[in-house]
Structure formats: structure tokens, C-alpha cells
């Protein structure tokens, strides 16, 4: 399971943060009960999983999708899916084929 828990510095006393942290405790408790080994790790969404360079973020014309593109190796993916590639890399699984993404606007956000 993958949970993106906001950091305490960015959102203080948020109901979402409290709910996700309590969910983390419940999952850890259930795993201990059944004897399952679990780990909690965070994966970056602004670093390229192929070469490790900083990804530049672009918006599509509609503004709904945030596309990250690596200037060095050409990796291209939606920003919310970049941690998935890091997770696959850590498991030693091959990265999926790059998707066909809509062309982003020329203005980059770093």
C-alpha cells in the first residue's frame, strides 16, 4: 500500500494528516498481529528514477496534469506517478514503457 502522508512542517494539525498517521498505526498493529514484516518509506517525486537528476515540472494545456521531464535522460511521467518508478527500481523490477503523455506548456515550474 502506498500512503502519501503530508509532513508536519507543511500542514499543521490537519485532519487528513492525523487520519493518515493513525491509519499507519493501525496497519503496523495489524502487521505485528499477523507476523508480517512492513516498512514505511518515502520516495521522491522530483528526482529522476533513471539517472537521479532534478525533474522539471510542466503543466498540460488544460492545467490538470503535472508532467515531469528529465533534461538528461528524457524520462517523462506524471508527477504523482514518479514515486511508483522509484518503488519498482528498489524492488529490482524493470521500469514500464514510457507512456504517451500530452504535450506540456513551454513554461516550466521548478
N, C-alpha and C. Protein backbone atom coordinates (compact mmCIF):
# COMPACT_ATOMS: atom_id res chain seq x y z
N UNK A 1 0.85 -1.17 0.00
CA UNK A 1 0.00 0.00 0.00
C UNK A 1 0.89 1.23 0.00
N UNK A 2 0.45 2.26 -0.64
CA UNK A 2 1.22 3.49 -0.71
C UNK A 2 0.38 4.63 -0.16
N UNK A 3 0.86 5.27 0.92
CA UNK A 3 0.18 6.41 1.52
C UNK A 3 1.11 7.61 1.43
N UNK A 4 0.61 8.71 0.98
CA UNK A 4 1.39 9.95 0.92
C UNK A 4 0.96 10.82 2.09
N UNK A 5 1.68 10.72 3.20
CA UNK A 5 1.33 11.47 4.41
C UNK A 5 2.02 12.82 4.36
N UNK A 6 1.27 13.92 4.43
CA UNK A 6 1.90 15.24 4.42
C UNK A 6 2.81 15.42 5.63
N UNK A 7 3.90 16.16 5.42
CA UNK A 7 4.84 16.40 6.51
C UNK A 7 4.26 17.40 7.50
N UNK A 8 4.71 17.31 8.72
CA UNK A 8 4.19 18.16 9.79
C UNK A 8 4.51 19.63 9.56
N UNK A 9 5.65 19.91 8.87
CA UNK A 9 6.02 21.31 8.65
C UNK A 9 5.08 22.00 7.67
N UNK A 10 4.52 21.25 6.73
CA UNK A 10 3.69 21.87 5.70
C UNK A 10 2.24 22.03 6.13
N UNK A 11 1.72 21.03 6.82
CA UNK A 11 0.32 21.08 7.24
C UNK A 11 0.27 20.76 8.73
N UNK A 12 -0.05 21.75 9.53
CA UNK A 12 -0.10 21.53 10.97
C UNK A 12 -1.52 21.27 11.42
N UNK A 13 -1.65 20.24 12.23
CA UNK A 13 -2.94 19.87 12.82
C UNK A 13 -4.03 19.64 11.77
N UNK A 14 -3.64 19.08 10.66
CA UNK A 14 -4.59 18.78 9.60
C UNK A 14 -5.32 17.48 9.93
N UNK A 15 -6.62 17.44 9.65
CA UNK A 15 -7.39 16.22 9.87
C UNK A 15 -6.90 15.10 8.96
N UNK A 16 -6.51 15.45 7.72
CA UNK A 16 -6.00 14.45 6.80
C UNK A 16 -4.71 13.84 7.34
N UNK A 17 -3.81 14.69 7.83
CA UNK A 17 -2.55 14.19 8.37
C UNK A 17 -2.79 13.29 9.58
N UNK A 18 -3.66 13.70 10.48
CA UNK A 18 -3.96 12.89 11.67
C UNK A 18 -4.58 11.55 11.28
N UNK A 19 -5.46 11.57 10.29
CA UNK A 19 -6.11 10.34 9.85
C UNK A 19 -5.09 9.38 9.24
N UNK A 20 -4.22 9.89 8.38
CA UNK A 20 -3.23 9.02 7.74
C UNK A 20 -2.21 8.48 8.74
N UNK A 21 -1.82 9.30 9.71
CA UNK A 21 -0.89 8.82 10.72
C UNK A 21 -1.54 7.76 11.59
N UNK A 22 -2.81 7.94 11.95
CA UNK A 22 -3.49 6.92 12.74
C UNK A 22 -3.69 5.64 11.90
N UNK A 23 -3.91 5.79 10.60
CA UNK A 23 -4.02 4.63 9.72
C UNK A 23 -2.69 3.87 9.67
N UNK A 24 -1.59 4.61 9.69
CA UNK A 24 -0.26 4.00 9.72
C UNK A 24 -0.10 3.15 10.98
N UNK A 25 -0.58 3.65 12.12
CA UNK A 25 -0.51 2.89 13.38
C UNK A 25 -1.37 1.63 13.31
N UNK A 26 -2.54 1.73 12.72
CA UNK A 26 -3.43 0.57 12.60
C UNK A 26 -2.78 -0.50 11.72
N UNK A 27 -2.20 -0.09 10.60
CA UNK A 27 -1.54 -1.04 9.70
C UNK A 27 -0.36 -1.70 10.40
N UNK A 28 0.43 -0.94 11.14
CA UNK A 28 1.57 -1.50 11.87
C UNK A 28 1.09 -2.49 12.93
N UNK A 29 -0.01 -2.17 13.61
CA UNK A 29 -0.55 -3.05 14.63
C UNK A 29 -1.05 -4.36 14.01
N UNK A 30 -1.79 -4.27 12.91
CA UNK A 30 -2.28 -5.48 12.23
C UNK A 30 -1.13 -6.33 11.70
N UNK A 31 -0.11 -5.68 11.17
CA UNK A 31 1.04 -6.43 10.66
C UNK A 31 1.74 -7.17 11.79
N UNK A 32 1.88 -6.52 12.94
CA UNK A 32 2.51 -7.18 14.09
C UNK A 32 1.66 -8.35 14.57
N UNK A 33 0.37 -8.18 14.55
CA UNK A 33 -0.54 -9.24 14.98
C UNK A 33 -0.41 -10.49 14.11
N UNK A 34 -0.35 -10.29 12.79
CA UNK A 34 -0.26 -11.42 11.86
C UNK A 34 1.18 -11.85 11.57
N UNK A 35 2.16 -11.15 12.12
CA UNK A 35 3.55 -11.52 11.92
C UNK A 35 4.09 -11.15 10.55
N UNK A 36 3.58 -10.08 9.98
CA UNK A 36 4.01 -9.63 8.66
C UNK A 36 5.02 -8.50 8.84
N UNK A 37 6.13 -8.57 8.10
CA UNK A 37 7.14 -7.51 8.15
C UNK A 37 6.72 -6.36 7.24
N UNK A 38 6.73 -5.15 7.76
CA UNK A 38 6.38 -3.98 6.96
C UNK A 38 7.44 -2.90 7.15
N UNK A 39 7.55 -2.04 6.18
CA UNK A 39 8.42 -0.87 6.27
C UNK A 39 7.64 0.33 5.78
N UNK A 40 8.02 1.49 6.26
CA UNK A 40 7.42 2.74 5.81
C UNK A 40 8.54 3.58 5.19
N UNK A 41 8.43 3.81 3.88
CA UNK A 41 9.46 4.56 3.17
C UNK A 41 8.81 5.63 2.30
N UNK A 42 9.56 6.70 2.08
CA UNK A 42 9.11 7.77 1.20
C UNK A 42 9.99 7.77 -0.04
N UNK A 43 9.40 7.99 -1.19
CA UNK A 43 10.13 8.05 -2.44
C UNK A 43 9.97 9.43 -3.05
N UNK A 44 11.02 9.97 -3.66
CA UNK A 44 10.96 11.33 -4.21
C UNK A 44 10.11 11.42 -5.47
N UNK A 45 9.49 12.58 -5.65
CA UNK A 45 8.70 12.80 -6.86
C UNK A 45 9.32 13.86 -7.76
N UNK A 46 10.44 14.43 -7.35
CA UNK A 46 11.10 15.45 -8.16
C UNK A 46 12.50 15.04 -8.59
N UNK A 47 12.86 13.78 -8.38
CA UNK A 47 14.15 13.26 -8.84
C UNK A 47 13.88 12.15 -9.85
N UNK A 48 14.70 12.12 -10.90
CA UNK A 48 14.54 11.13 -11.95
C UNK A 48 14.92 9.74 -11.42
N UNK A 49 14.04 8.74 -11.58
CA UNK A 49 14.38 7.40 -11.11
C UNK A 49 15.41 6.70 -12.00
N UNK A 50 15.65 7.22 -13.19
CA UNK A 50 16.61 6.60 -14.10
C UNK A 50 18.03 7.11 -13.84
N UNK A 51 18.21 8.45 -13.79
CA UNK A 51 19.56 8.99 -13.65
C UNK A 51 19.76 9.78 -12.35
N UNK A 52 18.69 10.11 -11.62
CA UNK A 52 18.83 10.83 -10.35
C UNK A 52 18.86 12.34 -10.47
N UNK A 53 18.70 12.88 -11.67
CA UNK A 53 18.72 14.34 -11.87
C UNK A 53 17.39 14.96 -11.42
N UNK A 54 17.39 16.28 -11.26
CA UNK A 54 16.18 17.01 -10.88
C UNK A 54 15.22 17.05 -12.07
N UNK A 55 13.95 16.75 -11.83
CA UNK A 55 12.93 16.78 -12.89
C UNK A 55 12.31 18.17 -12.98
N UNK A 56 12.11 18.63 -14.19
CA UNK A 56 11.40 19.90 -14.40
C UNK A 56 9.92 19.59 -14.55
N UNK A 57 9.10 20.41 -13.92
CA UNK A 57 7.66 20.18 -13.94
C UNK A 57 6.99 21.11 -14.94
N UNK A 58 6.16 20.54 -15.78
CA UNK A 58 5.39 21.29 -16.78
C UNK A 58 3.91 21.01 -16.57
N UNK A 59 3.09 21.95 -16.93
CA UNK A 59 1.64 21.76 -16.89
C UNK A 59 1.13 21.51 -18.31
N UNK A 60 0.11 20.67 -18.41
CA UNK A 60 -0.51 20.46 -19.72
C UNK A 60 -1.35 21.68 -20.07
N UNK A 61 -1.86 21.71 -21.27
CA UNK A 61 -2.64 22.87 -21.71
C UNK A 61 -3.89 23.07 -20.86
N UNK A 62 -4.47 21.97 -20.38
CA UNK A 62 -5.66 22.09 -19.54
C UNK A 62 -5.29 22.44 -18.10
N UNK A 63 -4.02 22.22 -17.72
CA UNK A 63 -3.58 22.55 -16.37
C UNK A 63 -3.88 21.47 -15.35
N UNK A 64 -4.45 20.35 -15.78
CA UNK A 64 -4.84 19.31 -14.83
C UNK A 64 -3.70 18.36 -14.50
N UNK A 65 -2.83 18.10 -15.45
CA UNK A 65 -1.74 17.15 -15.23
C UNK A 65 -0.42 17.89 -15.07
N UNK A 66 0.42 17.38 -14.18
CA UNK A 66 1.76 17.92 -13.99
C UNK A 66 2.74 16.89 -14.53
N UNK A 67 3.38 17.24 -15.62
CA UNK A 67 4.30 16.33 -16.29
C UNK A 67 5.72 16.69 -15.87
N UNK A 68 6.49 15.68 -15.44
CA UNK A 68 7.89 15.88 -15.08
C UNK A 68 8.76 15.30 -16.18
N UNK A 69 9.74 16.09 -16.63
CA UNK A 69 10.63 15.68 -17.70
C UNK A 69 12.07 15.87 -17.24
N UNK A 70 12.90 14.85 -17.51
CA UNK A 70 14.32 14.92 -17.18
C UNK A 70 15.08 15.44 -18.40
N UNK A 71 15.89 16.47 -18.22
CA UNK A 71 16.66 17.03 -19.33
C UNK A 71 17.82 16.13 -19.74
N UNK A 72 18.28 15.27 -18.84
CA UNK A 72 19.47 14.46 -19.12
C UNK A 72 19.14 13.15 -19.84
N UNK A 73 18.18 12.39 -19.34
CA UNK A 73 17.91 11.07 -19.94
C UNK A 73 16.59 11.03 -20.71
N UNK A 74 15.75 12.07 -20.61
CA UNK A 74 14.50 12.11 -21.35
C UNK A 74 13.33 11.42 -20.67
N UNK A 75 13.51 11.00 -19.41
CA UNK A 75 12.41 10.38 -18.66
C UNK A 75 11.25 11.35 -18.58
N UNK A 76 10.02 10.84 -18.76
CA UNK A 76 8.83 11.68 -18.77
C UNK A 76 7.69 10.92 -18.10
N UNK A 77 7.08 11.53 -17.09
CA UNK A 77 5.98 10.89 -16.37
C UNK A 77 5.20 11.94 -15.61
N UNK A 78 3.96 11.61 -15.26
CA UNK A 78 3.18 12.50 -14.40
C UNK A 78 3.83 12.53 -13.03
N UNK A 79 3.79 13.67 -12.39
CA UNK A 79 4.50 13.85 -11.12
C UNK A 79 4.01 12.89 -10.04
N UNK A 80 2.72 12.61 -10.00
CA UNK A 80 2.17 11.73 -8.97
C UNK A 80 2.59 10.27 -9.16
N UNK A 81 3.08 9.92 -10.33
CA UNK A 81 3.47 8.53 -10.60
C UNK A 81 4.98 8.30 -10.52
N UNK A 82 5.77 9.32 -10.32
CA UNK A 82 7.22 9.17 -10.24
C UNK A 82 7.63 8.30 -9.05
N UNK A 83 7.04 8.45 -7.84
CA UNK A 83 7.43 7.56 -6.74
C UNK A 83 7.20 6.07 -7.04
N UNK A 84 6.22 5.75 -7.87
CA UNK A 84 5.98 4.37 -8.26
C UNK A 84 7.19 3.80 -8.99
N UNK A 85 7.82 4.61 -9.85
CA UNK A 85 9.01 4.16 -10.57
C UNK A 85 10.17 3.93 -9.61
N UNK A 86 10.30 4.79 -8.59
CA UNK A 86 11.33 4.58 -7.57
C UNK A 86 11.07 3.28 -6.82
N UNK A 87 9.83 2.98 -6.52
CA UNK A 87 9.46 1.76 -5.81
C UNK A 87 9.81 0.54 -6.64
N UNK A 88 9.49 0.56 -7.94
CA UNK A 88 9.84 -0.55 -8.83
C UNK A 88 11.35 -0.73 -8.90
N UNK A 89 12.08 0.39 -8.95
CA UNK A 89 13.54 0.33 -9.02
C UNK A 89 14.11 -0.32 -7.76
N UNK A 90 13.56 0.03 -6.60
CA UNK A 90 14.05 -0.54 -5.35
C UNK A 90 13.75 -2.04 -5.26
N UNK A 91 12.65 -2.47 -5.82
CA UNK A 91 12.31 -3.89 -5.82
C UNK A 91 13.11 -4.68 -6.86
N UNK A 92 13.83 -3.97 -7.74
CA UNK A 92 14.62 -4.64 -8.77
C UNK A 92 13.81 -5.06 -9.98
N UNK A 93 12.63 -4.48 -10.12
CA UNK A 93 11.77 -4.79 -11.26
C UNK A 93 12.05 -3.82 -12.41
N UNK A 94 11.81 -4.25 -13.66
CA UNK A 94 12.04 -3.33 -14.79
C UNK A 94 11.02 -2.21 -14.79
N UNK A 95 11.47 -1.04 -15.23
CA UNK A 95 10.57 0.10 -15.33
C UNK A 95 9.62 -0.12 -16.51
N UNK A 96 8.36 0.29 -16.40
CA UNK A 96 7.43 0.13 -17.52
C UNK A 96 7.80 1.04 -18.69
N UNK A 97 7.22 0.73 -19.83
CA UNK A 97 7.45 1.57 -21.00
C UNK A 97 6.94 2.97 -20.73
N UNK A 98 7.63 3.98 -21.26
CA UNK A 98 7.15 5.35 -21.03
C UNK A 98 5.79 5.56 -21.68
N UNK A 99 4.86 6.20 -20.97
CA UNK A 99 3.53 6.44 -21.53
C UNK A 99 3.53 7.58 -22.54
N UNK A 100 2.49 7.63 -23.33
CA UNK A 100 2.29 8.77 -24.22
C UNK A 100 1.57 9.84 -23.44
N UNK A 101 2.25 10.91 -23.17
CA UNK A 101 1.69 11.99 -22.36
C UNK A 101 1.35 13.17 -23.25
N UNK A 102 0.37 13.98 -22.82
CA UNK A 102 0.05 15.18 -23.60
C UNK A 102 1.23 16.15 -23.58
N UNK A 103 1.34 16.93 -24.63
CA UNK A 103 2.44 17.89 -24.71
C UNK A 103 2.26 18.98 -23.65
N UNK A 104 3.30 19.21 -22.83
CA UNK A 104 3.17 20.24 -21.80
C UNK A 104 3.36 21.64 -22.39
N UNK A 105 2.93 22.63 -21.60
CA UNK A 105 3.17 24.01 -21.98
C UNK A 105 4.67 24.29 -21.89
N UNK A 106 5.10 25.37 -22.47
CA UNK A 106 6.52 25.68 -22.50
C UNK A 106 7.04 26.19 -21.16
N UNK A 107 6.19 26.69 -20.32
CA UNK A 107 6.61 27.27 -19.05
C UNK A 107 6.86 26.18 -18.02
N UNK A 108 8.06 26.14 -17.50
CA UNK A 108 8.43 25.11 -16.52
C UNK A 108 8.32 25.66 -15.10
N UNK A 109 7.96 24.77 -14.18
CA UNK A 109 7.94 25.10 -12.76
C UNK A 109 8.99 24.24 -12.09
N UNK A 110 9.85 24.83 -11.31
CA UNK A 110 10.88 24.04 -10.63
C UNK A 110 10.62 23.89 -9.17
